[in-house]
Every structure is written in C-alpha cells, then in structure tokens.
N, C-alpha and C. Protein backbone atom coordinates (compact mmCIF):
# COMPACT_ATOMS: atom_id res chain seq x y z
N UNK A 1 0.93 -1.31 0.02
CA UNK A 1 -0.04 -0.29 0.08
C UNK A 1 0.83 1.15 0.12
N UNK A 2 1.54 1.45 1.25
CA UNK A 2 2.65 2.56 0.93
C UNK A 2 4.40 2.18 0.90
N UNK A 3 5.02 2.73 0.23
CA UNK A 3 6.35 2.41 0.31
C UNK A 3 6.72 2.84 1.57
N UNK A 4 7.88 2.24 1.89
CA UNK A 4 8.59 2.48 3.34
C UNK A 4 9.64 3.65 2.85
N UNK A 5 9.44 4.68 3.68
CA UNK A 5 10.24 5.87 3.40
C UNK A 5 9.45 6.73 2.13
N UNK A 6 8.47 6.26 1.52
CA UNK A 6 7.83 7.16 0.50
C UNK A 6 7.14 8.59 0.98
N UNK A 7 6.95 9.27 0.05
CA UNK A 7 6.22 10.41 0.35
C UNK A 7 4.95 10.50 0.85
N UNK A 8 4.12 9.52 0.44
CA UNK A 8 2.64 9.04 1.11
C UNK A 8 2.83 8.83 2.67
N UNK A 9 3.77 7.96 2.98
CA UNK A 9 4.16 7.63 4.29
C UNK A 9 4.50 8.77 5.15
N UNK A 10 5.43 9.68 4.54
CA UNK A 10 5.73 10.84 5.22
C UNK A 10 4.85 11.61 5.56
N UNK A 11 3.74 12.02 4.89
CA UNK A 11 2.53 12.81 4.93
C UNK A 11 1.52 12.38 6.02
N UNK A 12 1.50 10.85 6.08
CA UNK A 12 0.95 10.38 6.84
C UNK A 12 1.40 10.37 8.42
N UNK A 13 2.63 10.27 8.46
CA UNK A 13 3.31 10.46 9.63
C UNK A 13 3.31 11.66 10.33
N UNK A 14 3.31 12.89 9.54
CA UNK A 14 3.19 14.26 9.79
C UNK A 14 1.91 14.59 10.21
N UNK A 15 0.68 14.00 9.74
CA UNK A 15 -0.63 14.18 10.15
C UNK A 15 -1.01 13.43 11.38
N UNK A 16 -0.23 12.14 11.81
CA UNK A 16 -0.39 11.67 12.80
C UNK A 16 0.17 12.37 14.13
N UNK A 17 1.53 13.05 13.84
CA UNK A 17 2.27 13.76 14.87
C UNK A 17 1.32 15.13 15.17
N UNK A 18 0.64 15.62 14.05
CA UNK A 18 -0.12 16.92 14.40
C UNK A 18 -1.27 16.56 15.16
N UNK A 19 -1.84 15.58 14.74
CA UNK A 19 -3.19 14.89 15.72
C UNK A 19 -2.87 14.57 17.24
N UNK A 20 -1.56 14.00 17.29
CA UNK A 20 -1.06 13.67 18.49
C UNK A 20 -0.84 14.99 19.33
N UNK A 21 -0.31 15.85 18.91
CA UNK A 21 0.10 17.19 19.55
C UNK A 21 -1.35 17.76 19.99
N UNK A 22 -2.34 17.95 19.01
CA UNK A 22 -3.56 18.67 19.36
C UNK A 22 -3.96 17.60 20.51
N UNK A 23 -4.37 16.51 20.50
CA UNK A 23 -4.44 15.48 21.68
C UNK A 23 -3.99 15.99 23.08
N UNK A 24 -2.74 16.16 22.83
CA UNK A 24 -2.01 16.30 23.92
C UNK A 24 -2.37 17.61 24.58
N UNK A 25 -2.34 18.52 23.80
CA UNK A 25 -2.63 20.22 24.18
C UNK A 25 -4.39 19.94 24.92
N UNK A 26 -5.30 19.18 24.34
CA UNK A 26 -6.42 18.97 24.95
C UNK A 26 -6.46 18.23 26.06
N UNK A 27 -5.67 17.42 26.34
CA UNK A 27 -5.61 16.77 27.69
C UNK A 27 -4.92 17.41 28.78
N UNK A 28 -3.97 18.49 28.43
CA UNK A 28 -3.25 19.49 29.39
C UNK A 28 -4.28 20.47 29.90
N UNK A 29 -5.17 20.80 28.76
CA UNK A 29 -6.15 22.00 29.07
C UNK A 29 -7.14 21.49 29.86
N UNK A 30 -7.60 20.49 29.88
CA UNK A 30 -8.69 19.62 30.64
C UNK A 30 -8.11 19.35 32.00
N UNK A 31 -6.95 18.84 32.06
CA UNK A 31 -6.42 18.43 33.21
C UNK A 31 -6.16 19.67 34.27
N UNK A 32 -5.56 20.98 33.42
CA UNK A 32 -5.28 22.06 34.31
C UNK A 32 -6.74 22.58 34.74
N UNK A 33 -7.76 22.56 33.94
CA UNK A 33 -8.95 22.94 34.54
C UNK A 33 -9.59 22.34 35.76
N UNK A 34 -9.32 20.74 35.52
CA UNK A 34 -9.90 20.02 36.69
C UNK A 34 -9.06 20.29 38.10
N UNK A 35 -7.64 20.47 37.92
CA UNK A 35 -6.85 20.98 39.03
C UNK A 35 -7.53 22.14 39.61
N UNK A 36 -7.72 22.99 38.63
CA UNK A 36 -8.03 24.48 39.19
C UNK A 36 -9.42 24.49 39.86
N UNK A 37 -10.45 23.51 39.42
CA UNK A 37 -11.64 23.53 40.08
C UNK A 37 -11.54 22.72 41.53
N UNK A 38 -10.68 21.67 41.59
CA UNK A 38 -10.23 21.28 42.95
C UNK A 38 -9.83 22.06 43.97
N UNK A 39 -8.71 22.78 43.40
CA UNK A 39 -8.26 23.80 44.11
C UNK A 39 -9.13 24.75 44.76
N UNK A 40 -10.04 25.45 43.98
CA UNK A 40 -11.00 26.16 44.21
C UNK A 40 -11.83 25.72 45.49
N UNK A 41 -12.26 24.32 45.21
CA UNK A 41 -13.28 23.80 46.15
C UNK A 41 -12.31 23.59 47.28
N UNK A 42 -11.19 23.33 47.38
CA UNK A 42 -10.48 23.27 48.60
C UNK A 42 -10.44 24.36 49.41
N UNK A 43 -10.11 25.73 48.52
CA UNK A 43 -9.88 26.83 49.25
C UNK A 43 -11.32 27.47 49.73
N UNK A 44 -12.34 27.13 49.27
CA UNK A 44 -13.54 27.60 49.73
C UNK A 44 -13.95 26.67 51.01
N UNK A 45 -13.53 25.64 51.05
CA UNK A 45 -13.67 24.86 52.14
C UNK A 45 -13.01 25.12 53.40
N UNK A 46 -11.50 25.55 53.14
CA UNK A 46 -10.75 25.98 54.07
C UNK A 46 -11.03 27.38 54.53
N UNK A 47 -11.59 28.26 53.67
CA UNK A 47 -11.91 29.56 53.92
C UNK A 47 -13.02 29.64 54.92
N UNK A 48 -13.97 28.43 55.18
CA UNK A 48 -14.97 28.85 55.98
C UNK A 48 -14.48 28.34 57.36
N UNK A 49 -14.67 29.49 58.25
CA UNK A 49 -14.01 29.21 59.86
C UNK A 49 -14.97 28.36 60.70
N UNK A 50 -16.03 28.45 60.43
CA UNK A 50 -17.24 27.62 61.33
C UNK A 50 -18.55 27.59 60.66
N UNK A 51 -19.41 26.90 61.39
CA UNK A 51 -20.86 27.03 60.80
C UNK A 51 -21.41 28.14 60.33
N UNK A 52 -21.07 29.40 61.00
CA UNK A 52 -21.75 30.53 61.01
C UNK A 52 -21.18 31.47 59.79
N UNK A 53 -20.16 31.22 59.35
CA UNK A 53 -19.57 32.21 58.28
C UNK A 53 -19.50 31.58 56.91
N UNK A 54 -19.52 32.24 55.94
CA UNK A 54 -19.25 31.65 54.59
C UNK A 54 -18.65 32.83 53.74
N UNK A 55 -18.16 32.38 52.84
CA UNK A 55 -17.75 33.56 51.73
C UNK A 55 -18.47 33.94 50.69
N UNK A 56 -18.66 35.07 50.27
CA UNK A 56 -19.46 35.90 49.20
C UNK A 56 -18.50 36.59 48.42
N UNK A 57 -18.18 36.34 47.11
CA UNK A 57 -16.97 37.06 46.59
C UNK A 57 -17.10 38.27 46.61
N UNK A 58 -18.35 38.95 46.70
CA UNK A 58 -18.45 40.56 46.64
C UNK A 58 -17.99 40.98 47.91
N UNK A 59 -18.42 40.41 49.01
CA UNK A 59 -18.57 40.76 50.34
C UNK A 59 -17.42 40.40 51.23
N UNK A 60 -16.53 39.16 50.74
CA UNK A 60 -15.64 38.52 51.44
C UNK A 60 -16.26 37.54 52.45
N UNK A 61 -15.54 37.33 53.75
CA UNK A 61 -16.42 36.75 54.80
C UNK A 61 -17.06 37.30 55.77
N UNK A 62 -18.54 36.67 55.49
CA UNK A 62 -19.48 37.16 56.24
C UNK A 62 -20.03 36.11 57.33
N UNK A 63 -20.71 36.62 58.18
CA UNK A 63 -21.35 35.93 59.19
C UNK A 63 -22.72 35.79 58.92
N UNK A 64 -23.23 34.48 58.89
CA UNK A 64 -24.61 34.26 58.42
C UNK A 64 -25.61 34.86 59.92
N UNK A 65 -25.23 34.64 60.87
CA UNK A 65 -26.22 35.17 61.99
C UNK A 65 -25.96 36.45 62.12
N UNK A 66 -25.18 37.36 61.52
CA UNK A 66 -25.26 38.97 61.89
C UNK A 66 -24.35 39.08 63.09
N UNK A 67 -23.73 38.01 63.71
CA UNK A 67 -23.03 38.40 64.84
C UNK A 67 -21.54 39.14 64.55
N UNK A 68 -20.83 39.58 65.50
CA UNK A 68 -19.46 40.32 65.43
C UNK A 68 -18.52 39.55 65.78
N UNK A 69 -17.16 39.28 65.08
CA UNK A 69 -16.41 38.72 65.35
C UNK A 69 -15.49 39.38 66.85
N UNK A 70 -15.21 38.40 67.54
CA UNK A 70 -14.54 39.02 68.85
C UNK A 70 -13.18 39.03 68.73
N UNK A 71 -12.24 38.42 68.18
CA UNK A 71 -10.90 38.59 67.88
C UNK A 71 -10.74 39.53 66.73
N UNK A 72 -9.48 40.43 66.93
CA UNK A 72 -9.05 40.93 66.03
C UNK A 72 -7.83 40.69 65.34
N UNK A 73 -7.73 40.81 64.05
CA UNK A 73 -6.54 40.50 63.18
C UNK A 73 -5.46 41.48 63.47
N UNK A 74 -4.19 41.33 63.07
CA UNK A 74 -3.01 42.22 63.28
C UNK A 74 -3.31 43.32 62.14
N UNK A 75 -3.96 42.94 61.22
CA UNK A 75 -4.04 43.94 60.42
C UNK A 75 -5.46 44.98 60.62
N UNK A 76 -6.31 44.52 61.32
CA UNK A 76 -7.17 45.34 61.77
C UNK A 76 -6.94 46.32 62.95
N UNK A 77 -5.66 45.74 63.80
CA UNK A 77 -5.39 46.55 64.90
C UNK A 77 -4.37 47.74 64.21
N UNK A 78 -3.62 47.48 63.12
CA UNK A 78 -2.85 48.40 62.73
C UNK A 78 -3.77 49.46 61.92
N UNK A 79 -4.73 49.15 61.28
CA UNK A 79 -5.57 49.89 60.72
C UNK A 79 -6.21 50.93 61.68
N UNK A 80 -6.80 50.76 62.66
CA UNK A 80 -7.26 51.19 63.80
C UNK A 80 -6.40 52.06 64.52
N UNK A 81 -5.22 51.90 64.44
CA UNK A 81 -4.13 52.81 65.03
C UNK A 81 -3.77 53.77 64.22
N UNK A 82 -4.01 53.72 62.85
CA UNK A 82 -3.64 54.56 61.91
C UNK A 82 -2.29 54.36 61.18
N UNK A 83 -1.82 52.93 61.21
CA UNK A 83 -0.54 52.96 60.59
C UNK A 83 -0.48 52.44 59.15
C-alpha cells in the first residue's frame, strides 16, 4: 500500500504527529481545568471558619447570624491605630 520511506508515508506520519499534539494540548487543558476546580473547592472549604460564616465573593467573609467577630487580626489593629 505505502512504500517504506515514500512521500505518502511521510505525510501520513506528519498528520499523525499533528493529531497527537492536538490531543496532548486538549488533555493538558482539561487536566489544568480539573486541578483548578479542585483547588478552588478546597480553598472555599478551608476559608469557612465555622458553621456561621461563609464566603461571598463581593463581600468577603460574612457571618450568617449577623454576629460580630470577637478577635481582631493584626491588620485590623494596625488600621485602627492609623499605621
């Protein structure tokens, strides 16, 4: 059917390499998206401090019961002191 080393075999091999590269790129893109989604889920899970808090992207960390946080972070203390 094809000669060994013939021109038709060359273009068949070039086509196969091209399709292999496209497949590899697709697998990498899908894999990166899956890893990104899993990382986002883990981040959301870790960001929840307890049952009364949840993360709203526009607001940050909010408290579902409307309560006030008792402890202050170092950044909040510096902000209050005007530094």
